[in-house]
């Protein structure tokens, strides 16, 4: 797999998003349509290409966040045929670890973070932090609260687990506050993958 940016691949990326918007069964398939019209709002896109085909991608996002803050690995997608290949990858060769290394180099000096929806997935994100730290000499840590990642939304999934190297200046709530505010949210998260 080769890591590339959007330069010279904009049409290929748009075609990929269009195809995913029509056929994907991914649990996040609802955002492919929106990305077709707003992908240029993101600071940077990292694409993994294999045999001239885009097989994974993720973005750096700073819109909707305070100045000097950016979210890494946002809108991460892997093609299903490479998703489970990760089981046999060396730690540093998983698509996310290849992409995040590139994104870390592009965001030095910023308050960068990675988020994951649903409070009960905090340990998955903590594992991501451990991998990133081991491979890159960083100090990402799971923050104890949930952070609002979409200021204009009241949906339960916008309150997300965050790993970061520094404190993040986003609105936050405790996990118990989240449970009280969204008592039926667990059922809402059980969408088909």
N, C-alpha and C. Protein backbone atom coordinates (compact mmCIF):
# COMPACT_ATOMS: atom_id res chain seq x y z
N UNK A 1 0.84 -1.18 0.00
CA UNK A 1 0.00 0.00 0.00
C UNK A 1 0.88 1.24 0.00
N UNK A 2 0.45 2.22 -0.77
CA UNK A 2 1.16 3.49 -0.84
C UNK A 2 0.30 4.59 -0.24
N UNK A 3 0.91 5.46 0.53
CA UNK A 3 0.22 6.60 1.12
C UNK A 3 0.34 7.78 0.17
N UNK A 4 -0.80 8.38 -0.18
CA UNK A 4 -0.81 9.53 -1.08
C UNK A 4 -1.83 10.55 -0.54
N UNK A 5 -1.78 11.74 -1.09
CA UNK A 5 -2.77 12.77 -0.77
C UNK A 5 -3.79 12.87 -1.89
N UNK A 6 -4.62 13.89 -1.82
CA UNK A 6 -5.66 14.09 -2.84
C UNK A 6 -5.11 14.59 -4.17
N UNK A 7 -3.95 15.24 -4.14
CA UNK A 7 -3.42 15.83 -5.36
C UNK A 7 -3.34 14.80 -6.49
N UNK A 8 -4.01 15.12 -7.58
CA UNK A 8 -4.03 14.22 -8.73
C UNK A 8 -5.01 13.06 -8.59
N UNK A 9 -5.71 12.99 -7.48
CA UNK A 9 -6.64 11.88 -7.25
C UNK A 9 -8.03 12.36 -6.82
N UNK A 10 -8.31 13.62 -7.03
CA UNK A 10 -9.59 14.16 -6.58
C UNK A 10 -10.75 13.42 -7.23
N UNK A 11 -10.71 13.22 -8.54
CA UNK A 11 -11.81 12.53 -9.22
C UNK A 11 -11.92 11.09 -8.74
N UNK A 12 -10.80 10.44 -8.55
CA UNK A 12 -10.82 9.05 -8.06
C UNK A 12 -11.44 9.00 -6.66
N UNK A 13 -11.10 9.97 -5.81
CA UNK A 13 -11.66 10.02 -4.45
C UNK A 13 -13.17 10.29 -4.51
N UNK A 14 -13.59 11.21 -5.35
CA UNK A 14 -15.03 11.48 -5.49
C UNK A 14 -15.77 10.25 -6.00
N UNK A 15 -15.18 9.54 -6.95
CA UNK A 15 -15.79 8.31 -7.46
C UNK A 15 -15.90 7.26 -6.35
N UNK A 16 -14.86 7.18 -5.52
CA UNK A 16 -14.88 6.23 -4.40
C UNK A 16 -16.02 6.59 -3.44
N UNK A 17 -16.12 7.87 -3.07
CA UNK A 17 -17.19 8.31 -2.16
C UNK A 17 -18.56 8.05 -2.76
N UNK A 18 -18.72 8.31 -4.06
CA UNK A 18 -20.00 8.08 -4.72
C UNK A 18 -20.35 6.60 -4.67
N UNK A 19 -19.40 5.74 -4.99
CA UNK A 19 -19.65 4.30 -4.94
C UNK A 19 -20.02 3.84 -3.53
N UNK A 20 -19.32 4.36 -2.55
CA UNK A 20 -19.63 4.00 -1.16
C UNK A 20 -21.00 4.52 -0.75
N UNK A 21 -21.38 5.69 -1.22
CA UNK A 21 -22.69 6.26 -0.85
C UNK A 21 -23.83 5.43 -1.41
N UNK A 22 -23.58 4.72 -2.50
CA UNK A 22 -24.63 3.91 -3.12
C UNK A 22 -24.65 2.46 -2.66
N UNK A 23 -23.51 1.92 -2.26
CA UNK A 23 -23.45 0.48 -2.03
C UNK A 23 -22.92 0.05 -0.67
N UNK A 24 -22.36 0.95 0.11
CA UNK A 24 -21.70 0.53 1.35
C UNK A 24 -22.69 0.08 2.41
N UNK A 25 -22.31 -0.97 3.11
CA UNK A 25 -23.06 -1.44 4.28
C UNK A 25 -22.33 -1.06 5.56
N UNK A 26 -21.29 -0.23 5.43
CA UNK A 26 -20.51 0.22 6.57
C UNK A 26 -21.42 0.92 7.57
N UNK A 27 -21.12 0.76 8.86
CA UNK A 27 -21.95 1.39 9.90
C UNK A 27 -21.97 2.90 9.80
N UNK A 28 -21.00 3.50 9.12
CA UNK A 28 -20.95 4.95 8.95
C UNK A 28 -21.32 5.39 7.54
N UNK A 29 -22.05 4.57 6.83
CA UNK A 29 -22.35 4.86 5.43
C UNK A 29 -23.17 6.14 5.25
N UNK A 30 -23.81 6.61 6.29
CA UNK A 30 -24.61 7.84 6.18
C UNK A 30 -23.76 9.07 5.88
N UNK A 31 -22.47 9.04 6.16
CA UNK A 31 -21.66 10.23 5.90
C UNK A 31 -20.98 10.26 4.54
N UNK A 32 -21.06 9.22 3.75
CA UNK A 32 -20.42 9.26 2.43
C UNK A 32 -21.08 10.29 1.52
N UNK A 33 -22.42 10.37 1.52
CA UNK A 33 -23.13 11.37 0.72
C UNK A 33 -22.70 12.79 1.09
N UNK A 34 -22.65 13.05 2.40
CA UNK A 34 -22.25 14.39 2.86
C UNK A 34 -20.82 14.71 2.45
N UNK A 35 -19.94 13.72 2.52
CA UNK A 35 -18.55 13.96 2.15
C UNK A 35 -18.40 14.37 0.69
N UNK A 36 -19.27 13.87 -0.16
CA UNK A 36 -19.21 14.25 -1.57
C UNK A 36 -19.31 15.76 -1.76
N UNK A 37 -20.04 16.42 -0.89
CA UNK A 37 -20.20 17.87 -1.02
C UNK A 37 -19.30 18.67 -0.10
N UNK A 38 -18.77 18.04 0.97
CA UNK A 38 -17.99 18.85 1.91
C UNK A 38 -16.58 18.34 2.21
N UNK A 39 -16.08 17.38 1.45
CA UNK A 39 -14.76 16.83 1.78
C UNK A 39 -13.65 17.88 1.72
N UNK A 40 -13.85 18.95 0.96
CA UNK A 40 -12.82 19.98 0.87
C UNK A 40 -12.75 20.85 2.13
N UNK A 41 -13.72 20.73 3.05
CA UNK A 41 -13.67 21.46 4.31
C UNK A 41 -12.60 20.92 5.25
N UNK A 42 -12.18 19.67 5.00
CA UNK A 42 -11.18 19.04 5.85
C UNK A 42 -9.79 19.54 5.46
N UNK A 43 -8.91 19.62 6.43
CA UNK A 43 -7.57 20.18 6.21
C UNK A 43 -6.73 19.36 5.25
N UNK A 44 -6.83 18.05 5.36
CA UNK A 44 -5.96 17.18 4.59
C UNK A 44 -6.56 15.78 4.55
N UNK A 45 -6.35 15.09 3.45
CA UNK A 45 -6.79 13.69 3.32
C UNK A 45 -5.57 12.81 3.09
N UNK A 46 -5.56 11.68 3.78
CA UNK A 46 -4.53 10.65 3.57
C UNK A 46 -5.23 9.46 2.94
N UNK A 47 -4.73 9.04 1.79
CA UNK A 47 -5.31 7.91 1.06
C UNK A 47 -4.30 6.79 0.99
N UNK A 48 -4.75 5.58 1.20
CA UNK A 48 -3.90 4.41 0.96
C UNK A 48 -4.37 3.78 -0.34
N UNK A 49 -3.41 3.57 -1.23
CA UNK A 49 -3.70 3.07 -2.56
C UNK A 49 -2.98 1.74 -2.75
N UNK A 50 -3.71 0.79 -3.32
CA UNK A 50 -3.13 -0.52 -3.64
C UNK A 50 -3.59 -0.88 -5.05
N UNK A 51 -2.67 -1.20 -5.93
CA UNK A 51 -3.00 -1.48 -7.34
C UNK A 51 -3.82 -0.34 -7.94
N UNK A 52 -3.43 0.89 -7.65
CA UNK A 52 -4.07 2.11 -8.14
C UNK A 52 -5.54 2.25 -7.69
N UNK A 53 -5.90 1.56 -6.62
CA UNK A 53 -7.26 1.61 -6.08
C UNK A 53 -7.19 2.16 -4.65
N UNK A 54 -8.05 3.11 -4.31
CA UNK A 54 -8.10 3.64 -2.94
C UNK A 54 -8.73 2.58 -2.05
N UNK A 55 -7.96 2.11 -1.06
CA UNK A 55 -8.45 1.04 -0.18
C UNK A 55 -8.68 1.51 1.26
N UNK A 56 -8.21 2.71 1.58
CA UNK A 56 -8.44 3.27 2.92
C UNK A 56 -8.21 4.78 2.84
N UNK A 57 -8.87 5.49 3.76
CA UNK A 57 -8.64 6.94 3.81
C UNK A 57 -9.02 7.48 5.18
N UNK A 58 -8.50 8.65 5.50
CA UNK A 58 -8.84 9.38 6.72
C UNK A 58 -8.43 10.83 6.53
N UNK A 59 -9.02 11.70 7.33
CA UNK A 59 -8.77 13.13 7.19
C UNK A 59 -8.26 13.74 8.49
N UNK A 60 -7.72 14.94 8.34
CA UNK A 60 -7.42 15.83 9.47
C UNK A 60 -8.50 16.89 9.44
N UNK A 61 -9.12 17.14 10.59
CA UNK A 61 -10.22 18.10 10.67
C UNK A 61 -9.93 19.18 11.70
N UNK A 62 -10.10 20.44 11.30
CA UNK A 62 -10.02 21.52 12.28
C UNK A 62 -11.30 22.35 12.32
N UNK A 63 -12.16 22.24 11.28
CA UNK A 63 -13.42 22.99 11.33
C UNK A 63 -14.30 22.45 12.47
N UNK A 64 -15.04 23.32 13.09
CA UNK A 64 -15.89 23.04 14.26
C UNK A 64 -15.11 22.96 15.57
N UNK A 65 -13.82 23.17 15.54
CA UNK A 65 -13.02 23.06 16.75
C UNK A 65 -12.32 24.39 17.06
N UNK A 66 -11.93 24.57 18.33
CA UNK A 66 -11.22 25.81 18.67
C UNK A 66 -9.93 25.96 17.87
N UNK A 67 -9.45 27.18 17.80
CA UNK A 67 -8.22 27.46 17.08
C UNK A 67 -7.08 26.58 17.59
N UNK A 68 -6.27 26.10 16.67
CA UNK A 68 -5.10 25.28 16.96
C UNK A 68 -5.44 23.85 17.42
N UNK A 69 -6.71 23.43 17.28
CA UNK A 69 -7.13 22.07 17.60
C UNK A 69 -7.40 21.33 16.28
N UNK A 70 -7.05 20.06 16.24
CA UNK A 70 -7.39 19.26 15.07
C UNK A 70 -7.61 17.81 15.48
N UNK A 71 -8.54 17.21 14.77
CA UNK A 71 -8.85 15.79 14.99
C UNK A 71 -8.17 14.99 13.89
N UNK A 72 -7.44 13.97 14.29
CA UNK A 72 -6.76 13.07 13.36
C UNK A 72 -7.63 11.83 13.14
N UNK A 73 -7.36 11.15 12.06
CA UNK A 73 -8.06 9.90 11.72
C UNK A 73 -9.58 10.09 11.68
N UNK A 74 -10.02 11.29 11.31
CA UNK A 74 -11.45 11.49 11.20
C UNK A 74 -11.92 10.97 9.84
N UNK A 75 -13.12 10.46 9.82
CA UNK A 75 -13.71 9.86 8.62
C UNK A 75 -12.86 8.70 8.09
N UNK A 76 -12.31 7.93 9.00
CA UNK A 76 -11.49 6.78 8.61
C UNK A 76 -12.37 5.70 7.97
N UNK A 77 -11.89 5.19 6.86
CA UNK A 77 -12.58 4.10 6.15
C UNK A 77 -11.54 3.12 5.62
N UNK A 78 -11.86 1.82 5.77
CA UNK A 78 -11.06 0.74 5.16
C UNK A 78 -12.00 -0.04 4.26
N UNK A 79 -11.54 -0.44 3.08
CA UNK A 79 -12.31 -1.38 2.27
C UNK A 79 -12.44 -2.69 3.05
N UNK A 80 -13.59 -3.34 2.95
CA UNK A 80 -13.76 -4.60 3.69
C UNK A 80 -12.70 -5.66 3.39
N UNK A 81 -12.20 -5.69 2.14
CA UNK A 81 -11.22 -6.71 1.79
C UNK A 81 -9.86 -6.49 2.44
N UNK A 82 -9.59 -5.30 2.99
CA UNK A 82 -8.32 -5.11 3.72
C UNK A 82 -8.53 -5.00 5.23
N UNK A 83 -9.79 -4.81 5.65
CA UNK A 83 -10.07 -4.60 7.08
C UNK A 83 -9.53 -5.74 7.94
N UNK A 84 -9.82 -6.96 7.58
CA UNK A 84 -9.41 -8.09 8.42
C UNK A 84 -8.00 -8.56 8.14
N UNK A 85 -7.40 -8.01 7.10
CA UNK A 85 -6.01 -8.29 6.84
C UNK A 85 -5.14 -7.74 7.97
N UNK A 86 -5.66 -6.75 8.69
CA UNK A 86 -4.93 -6.13 9.79
C UNK A 86 -4.53 -7.09 10.87
N UNK A 87 -5.22 -8.20 10.98
CA UNK A 87 -4.89 -9.19 12.01
C UNK A 87 -3.47 -9.71 11.80
N UNK A 88 -3.04 -9.81 10.55
CA UNK A 88 -1.70 -10.31 10.26
C UNK A 88 -0.66 -9.23 10.04
N UNK A 89 -1.05 -7.96 10.10
CA UNK A 89 -0.10 -6.87 9.88
C UNK A 89 0.84 -6.74 11.07
N UNK A 90 2.09 -6.41 10.80
CA UNK A 90 2.92 -5.93 11.91
C UNK A 90 2.27 -4.64 12.44
N UNK A 91 2.47 -4.34 13.70
CA UNK A 91 1.82 -3.21 14.37
C UNK A 91 1.91 -1.92 13.57
N UNK A 92 3.07 -1.64 13.00
CA UNK A 92 3.27 -0.36 12.32
C UNK A 92 2.71 -0.32 10.91
N UNK A 93 2.19 -1.43 10.40
CA UNK A 93 1.72 -1.47 9.02
C UNK A 93 0.21 -1.51 8.88
N UNK A 94 -0.54 -1.36 9.96
CA UNK A 94 -1.99 -1.29 9.80
C UNK A 94 -2.31 0.02 9.08
N UNK A 95 -3.37 0.06 8.31
CA UNK A 95 -3.70 1.30 7.61
C UNK A 95 -3.79 2.52 8.53
N UNK A 96 -4.43 2.39 9.67
CA UNK A 96 -4.56 3.54 10.58
C UNK A 96 -3.19 4.01 11.07
N UNK A 97 -2.29 3.09 11.36
CA UNK A 97 -0.97 3.50 11.87
C UNK A 97 -0.12 4.14 10.78
N UNK A 98 -0.29 3.71 9.54
CA UNK A 98 0.42 4.35 8.43
C UNK A 98 -0.11 5.78 8.26
N UNK A 99 -1.43 5.92 8.29
CA UNK A 99 -2.05 7.24 8.09
C UNK A 99 -1.73 8.17 9.24
N UNK A 100 -1.84 7.69 10.48
CA UNK A 100 -1.64 8.61 11.61
C UNK A 100 -0.21 9.10 11.68
N UNK A 101 0.75 8.30 11.30
CA UNK A 101 2.14 8.77 11.29
C UNK A 101 2.27 9.98 10.38
N UNK A 102 1.67 9.91 9.21
CA UNK A 102 1.69 11.02 8.26
C UNK A 102 0.96 12.23 8.86
N UNK A 103 -0.18 12.01 9.48
CA UNK A 103 -0.95 13.11 10.03
C UNK A 103 -0.25 13.76 11.22
N UNK A 104 0.43 12.98 12.02
CA UNK A 104 1.20 13.56 13.13
C UNK A 104 2.27 14.52 12.62
N UNK A 105 2.94 14.14 11.53
CA UNK A 105 3.99 15.00 10.99
C UNK A 105 3.43 16.31 10.43
N UNK A 106 2.19 16.29 9.99
CA UNK A 106 1.56 17.48 9.40
C UNK A 106 0.92 18.40 10.44
N UNK A 107 0.83 17.94 11.69
CA UNK A 107 0.09 18.70 12.70
C UNK A 107 0.93 19.02 13.94
N UNK A 108 2.23 18.95 13.81
CA UNK A 108 3.09 19.27 14.96
C UNK A 108 2.76 20.66 15.50
N UNK A 109 2.76 20.77 16.83
CA UNK A 109 2.49 22.05 17.47
C UNK A 109 1.02 22.36 17.68
N UNK A 110 0.14 21.49 17.20
CA UNK A 110 -1.30 21.70 17.38
C UNK A 110 -1.82 20.81 18.51
N UNK A 111 -2.97 21.15 19.03
CA UNK A 111 -3.66 20.30 20.02
C UNK A 111 -4.46 19.27 19.23
N UNK A 112 -3.83 18.14 19.00
CA UNK A 112 -4.43 17.11 18.16
C UNK A 112 -5.08 16.04 19.03
N UNK A 113 -6.13 15.48 18.51
CA UNK A 113 -6.84 14.44 19.24
C UNK A 113 -7.48 13.47 18.26
N UNK A 114 -7.84 12.32 18.78
CA UNK A 114 -8.56 11.30 18.02
C UNK A 114 -9.78 10.95 18.86
N UNK A 115 -10.91 10.80 18.21
CA UNK A 115 -12.13 10.52 18.97
C UNK A 115 -12.82 9.27 18.46
N UNK A 116 -13.66 8.71 19.32
CA UNK A 116 -14.45 7.53 18.98
C UNK A 116 -15.78 7.63 19.70
N UNK A 117 -16.85 7.42 18.98
CA UNK A 117 -18.17 7.54 19.60
C UNK A 117 -18.48 6.34 20.49
N UNK A 118 -19.45 6.57 21.36
CA UNK A 118 -19.99 5.62 22.33
C UNK A 118 -19.03 5.35 23.50
N UNK A 119 -19.46 5.70 24.68
CA UNK A 119 -18.62 5.61 25.89
C UNK A 119 -18.03 4.22 26.14
N UNK A 120 -18.77 3.19 25.82
CA UNK A 120 -18.30 1.83 26.11
C UNK A 120 -17.17 1.40 25.19
N UNK A 121 -16.77 2.23 24.23
CA UNK A 121 -15.65 1.89 23.35
C UNK A 121 -14.34 2.56 23.79
N UNK A 122 -14.32 3.05 25.01
CA UNK A 122 -13.14 3.78 25.47
C UNK A 122 -11.88 2.91 25.47
N UNK A 123 -12.02 1.62 25.76
CA UNK A 123 -10.83 0.75 25.80
C UNK A 123 -10.26 0.51 24.40
N UNK A 124 -11.12 0.50 23.39
CA UNK A 124 -10.62 0.38 22.02
C UNK A 124 -9.75 1.59 21.68
N UNK A 125 -10.23 2.76 22.06
CA UNK A 125 -9.47 3.98 21.77
C UNK A 125 -8.19 4.04 22.59
N UNK A 126 -8.24 3.54 23.80
CA UNK A 126 -7.04 3.49 24.63
C UNK A 126 -5.98 2.60 23.99
N UNK A 127 -6.41 1.49 23.38
CA UNK A 127 -5.48 0.62 22.65
C UNK A 127 -4.86 1.34 21.46
N UNK A 128 -5.65 2.15 20.77
CA UNK A 128 -5.12 2.95 19.66
C UNK A 128 -4.04 3.90 20.18
N UNK A 129 -4.31 4.55 21.31
CA UNK A 129 -3.33 5.47 21.90
C UNK A 129 -2.02 4.74 22.20
N UNK A 130 -2.12 3.56 22.77
CA UNK A 130 -0.92 2.79 23.11
C UNK A 130 -0.10 2.45 21.87
N UNK A 131 -0.77 2.07 20.78
CA UNK A 131 -0.06 1.77 19.52
C UNK A 131 0.62 3.01 18.97
N UNK A 132 -0.13 4.11 18.93
CA UNK A 132 0.43 5.36 18.39
C UNK A 132 1.65 5.79 19.21
N UNK A 133 1.53 5.73 20.53
CA UNK A 133 2.64 6.14 21.40
C UNK A 133 3.86 5.26 21.19
N UNK A 134 3.65 3.97 21.09
CA UNK A 134 4.77 3.05 20.92
C UNK A 134 5.50 3.29 19.60
N UNK A 135 4.74 3.57 18.56
CA UNK A 135 5.34 3.72 17.23
C UNK A 135 5.90 5.11 16.95
N UNK A 136 5.39 6.13 17.67
CA UNK A 136 5.73 7.50 17.31
C UNK A 136 6.35 8.31 18.44
N UNK A 137 6.51 7.71 19.62
CA UNK A 137 7.09 8.44 20.75
C UNK A 137 6.20 9.58 21.24
N UNK A 138 4.91 9.44 21.06
CA UNK A 138 3.95 10.46 21.50
C UNK A 138 3.41 10.10 22.88
N UNK A 139 2.51 10.91 23.39
CA UNK A 139 1.95 10.68 24.72
C UNK A 139 0.43 10.86 24.70
N UNK A 140 -0.24 10.18 23.78
CA UNK A 140 -1.69 10.23 23.73
C UNK A 140 -2.26 9.47 24.92
N UNK A 141 -3.25 10.08 25.57
CA UNK A 141 -3.90 9.46 26.72
C UNK A 141 -5.40 9.60 26.61
N UNK A 142 -6.10 8.59 27.11
CA UNK A 142 -7.55 8.65 27.15
C UNK A 142 -7.98 9.70 28.17
N UNK A 143 -8.83 10.62 27.75
CA UNK A 143 -9.39 11.62 28.66
C UNK A 143 -10.62 11.01 29.34
N UNK A 144 -10.85 11.37 30.57
CA UNK A 144 -11.87 10.71 31.38
C UNK A 144 -13.30 11.12 31.06
N UNK A 145 -13.47 12.28 30.43
CA UNK A 145 -14.82 12.74 30.10
C UNK A 145 -15.14 12.43 28.64
N UNK A 146 -16.36 12.74 28.24
CA UNK A 146 -16.79 12.66 26.85
C UNK A 146 -16.86 14.08 26.32
N UNK A 147 -16.43 14.27 25.08
CA UNK A 147 -16.31 15.61 24.51
C UNK A 147 -17.25 15.77 23.33
N UNK A 148 -17.87 16.93 23.26
CA UNK A 148 -18.81 17.23 22.18
C UNK A 148 -18.01 17.56 20.92
N UNK A 149 -18.13 16.72 19.90
CA UNK A 149 -17.33 16.88 18.69
C UNK A 149 -18.09 17.58 17.56
N UNK A 150 -19.39 17.78 17.73
CA UNK A 150 -20.19 18.54 16.77
C UNK A 150 -20.99 19.56 17.57
N UNK A 151 -20.53 20.81 17.59
CA UNK A 151 -21.15 21.81 18.46
C UNK A 151 -22.65 22.04 18.21
N UNK A 152 -23.10 21.83 16.99
CA UNK A 152 -24.48 22.12 16.65
C UNK A 152 -25.44 20.95 16.85
N UNK A 153 -24.95 19.83 17.37
CA UNK A 153 -25.79 18.64 17.50
C UNK A 153 -26.05 18.27 18.96
N UNK A 154 -27.23 17.72 19.19
CA UNK A 154 -27.61 17.21 20.51
C UNK A 154 -27.66 15.68 20.53
N UNK A 155 -27.22 15.04 19.46
CA UNK A 155 -27.27 13.57 19.38
C UNK A 155 -26.28 12.95 20.36
N UNK A 156 -26.60 11.77 20.89
CA UNK A 156 -25.71 11.14 21.87
C UNK A 156 -24.34 10.77 21.33
N UNK A 157 -24.25 10.44 20.04
CA UNK A 157 -22.97 9.98 19.49
C UNK A 157 -21.98 11.11 19.22
N UNK A 158 -22.38 12.38 19.37
CA UNK A 158 -21.41 13.46 19.20
C UNK A 158 -20.57 13.66 20.46
N UNK A 159 -21.00 13.08 21.58
CA UNK A 159 -20.21 13.10 22.81
C UNK A 159 -19.28 11.91 22.75
N UNK A 160 -18.00 12.16 22.55
CA UNK A 160 -17.09 11.06 22.22
C UNK A 160 -15.91 10.93 23.18
N UNK A 161 -15.40 9.70 23.24
CA UNK A 161 -14.13 9.43 23.91
C UNK A 161 -13.05 10.14 23.12
N UNK A 162 -12.05 10.65 23.83
CA UNK A 162 -10.95 11.35 23.16
C UNK A 162 -9.63 10.89 23.75
N UNK A 163 -8.67 10.69 22.84
CA UNK A 163 -7.28 10.55 23.26
C UNK A 163 -6.55 11.78 22.74
N UNK A 164 -5.66 12.30 23.56
CA UNK A 164 -4.89 13.49 23.17
C UNK A 164 -3.63 13.56 24.00
N UNK A 165 -2.71 14.39 23.54
CA UNK A 165 -1.47 14.63 24.28
C UNK A 165 -1.64 15.76 25.28
N UNK A 166 -2.61 16.63 25.06
CA UNK A 166 -2.84 17.81 25.89
C UNK A 166 -4.33 17.92 26.17
N UNK A 167 -4.68 18.78 27.10
CA UNK A 167 -6.11 19.03 27.34
C UNK A 167 -6.72 19.60 26.07
N UNK A 168 -7.99 19.32 25.89
CA UNK A 168 -8.72 19.75 24.70
C UNK A 168 -9.83 20.69 25.14
N UNK A 169 -9.93 21.81 24.46
CA UNK A 169 -10.89 22.85 24.86
C UNK A 169 -12.23 22.68 24.15
N UNK A 170 -12.85 21.52 24.38
CA UNK A 170 -14.18 21.24 23.88
C UNK A 170 -15.10 21.05 25.07
N UNK A 171 -16.38 21.33 24.87
CA UNK A 171 -17.36 21.09 25.92
C UNK A 171 -17.32 19.61 26.30
N UNK A 172 -17.42 19.33 27.59
CA UNK A 172 -17.33 17.93 28.04
C UNK A 172 -18.37 17.64 29.11
N UNK A 173 -18.66 16.36 29.25
CA UNK A 173 -19.53 15.88 30.32
C UNK A 173 -18.94 14.58 30.87
N UNK A 174 -19.31 14.23 32.08
CA UNK A 174 -18.85 12.96 32.64
C UNK A 174 -19.62 11.82 32.00
N UNK A 175 -19.11 10.63 32.14
CA UNK A 175 -19.79 9.46 31.59
C UNK A 175 -21.15 9.25 32.27
N UNK A 176 -21.25 9.50 33.55
CA UNK A 176 -22.54 9.33 34.24
C UNK A 176 -23.53 10.41 33.79
N UNK A 177 -23.06 11.63 33.54
CA UNK A 177 -23.96 12.66 33.00
C UNK A 177 -24.49 12.23 31.63
N UNK A 178 -23.62 11.64 30.82
CA UNK A 178 -24.03 11.17 29.50
C UNK A 178 -25.11 10.09 29.63
N UNK A 179 -24.90 9.13 30.54
CA UNK A 179 -25.88 8.05 30.73
C UNK A 179 -27.23 8.60 31.18
N UNK A 180 -27.21 9.60 32.05
CA UNK A 180 -28.46 10.20 32.51
C UNK A 180 -29.15 10.97 31.39
N UNK A 181 -28.38 11.62 30.55
CA UNK A 181 -28.94 12.42 29.47
C UNK A 181 -29.46 11.55 28.33
N UNK A 182 -28.83 10.40 28.10
CA UNK A 182 -29.19 9.53 26.96
C UNK A 182 -29.40 8.08 27.42
N UNK A 183 -30.44 7.83 28.22
CA UNK A 183 -30.61 6.48 28.79
C UNK A 183 -30.87 5.39 27.75
N UNK A 184 -31.36 5.72 26.56
CA UNK A 184 -31.65 4.72 25.53
C UNK A 184 -30.59 4.66 24.43
N UNK A 185 -29.50 5.31 24.64
CA UNK A 185 -28.50 5.44 23.57
C UNK A 185 -27.87 4.12 23.17
N UNK A 186 -27.69 3.19 24.08
CA UNK A 186 -27.04 1.92 23.72
C UNK A 186 -27.80 1.22 22.61
N UNK A 187 -29.12 1.24 22.69
CA UNK A 187 -29.91 0.61 21.63
C UNK A 187 -29.71 1.33 20.30
N UNK A 188 -29.54 2.64 20.35
CA UNK A 188 -29.37 3.42 19.14
C UNK A 188 -28.05 3.10 18.43
N UNK A 189 -27.07 2.63 19.16
CA UNK A 189 -25.76 2.39 18.58
C UNK A 189 -25.64 1.03 17.91
N UNK A 190 -26.63 0.20 18.05
CA UNK A 190 -26.54 -1.17 17.53
C UNK A 190 -26.99 -1.23 16.06
N UNK A 191 -26.34 -0.41 15.24
CA UNK A 191 -26.66 -0.43 13.81
C UNK A 191 -25.91 -1.58 13.16
N UNK A 192 -26.38 -1.96 12.01
CA UNK A 192 -25.73 -3.02 11.26
C UNK A 192 -24.40 -2.54 10.70
N UNK A 193 -23.38 -3.37 10.78
CA UNK A 193 -22.07 -3.01 10.20
C UNK A 193 -22.08 -3.24 8.72
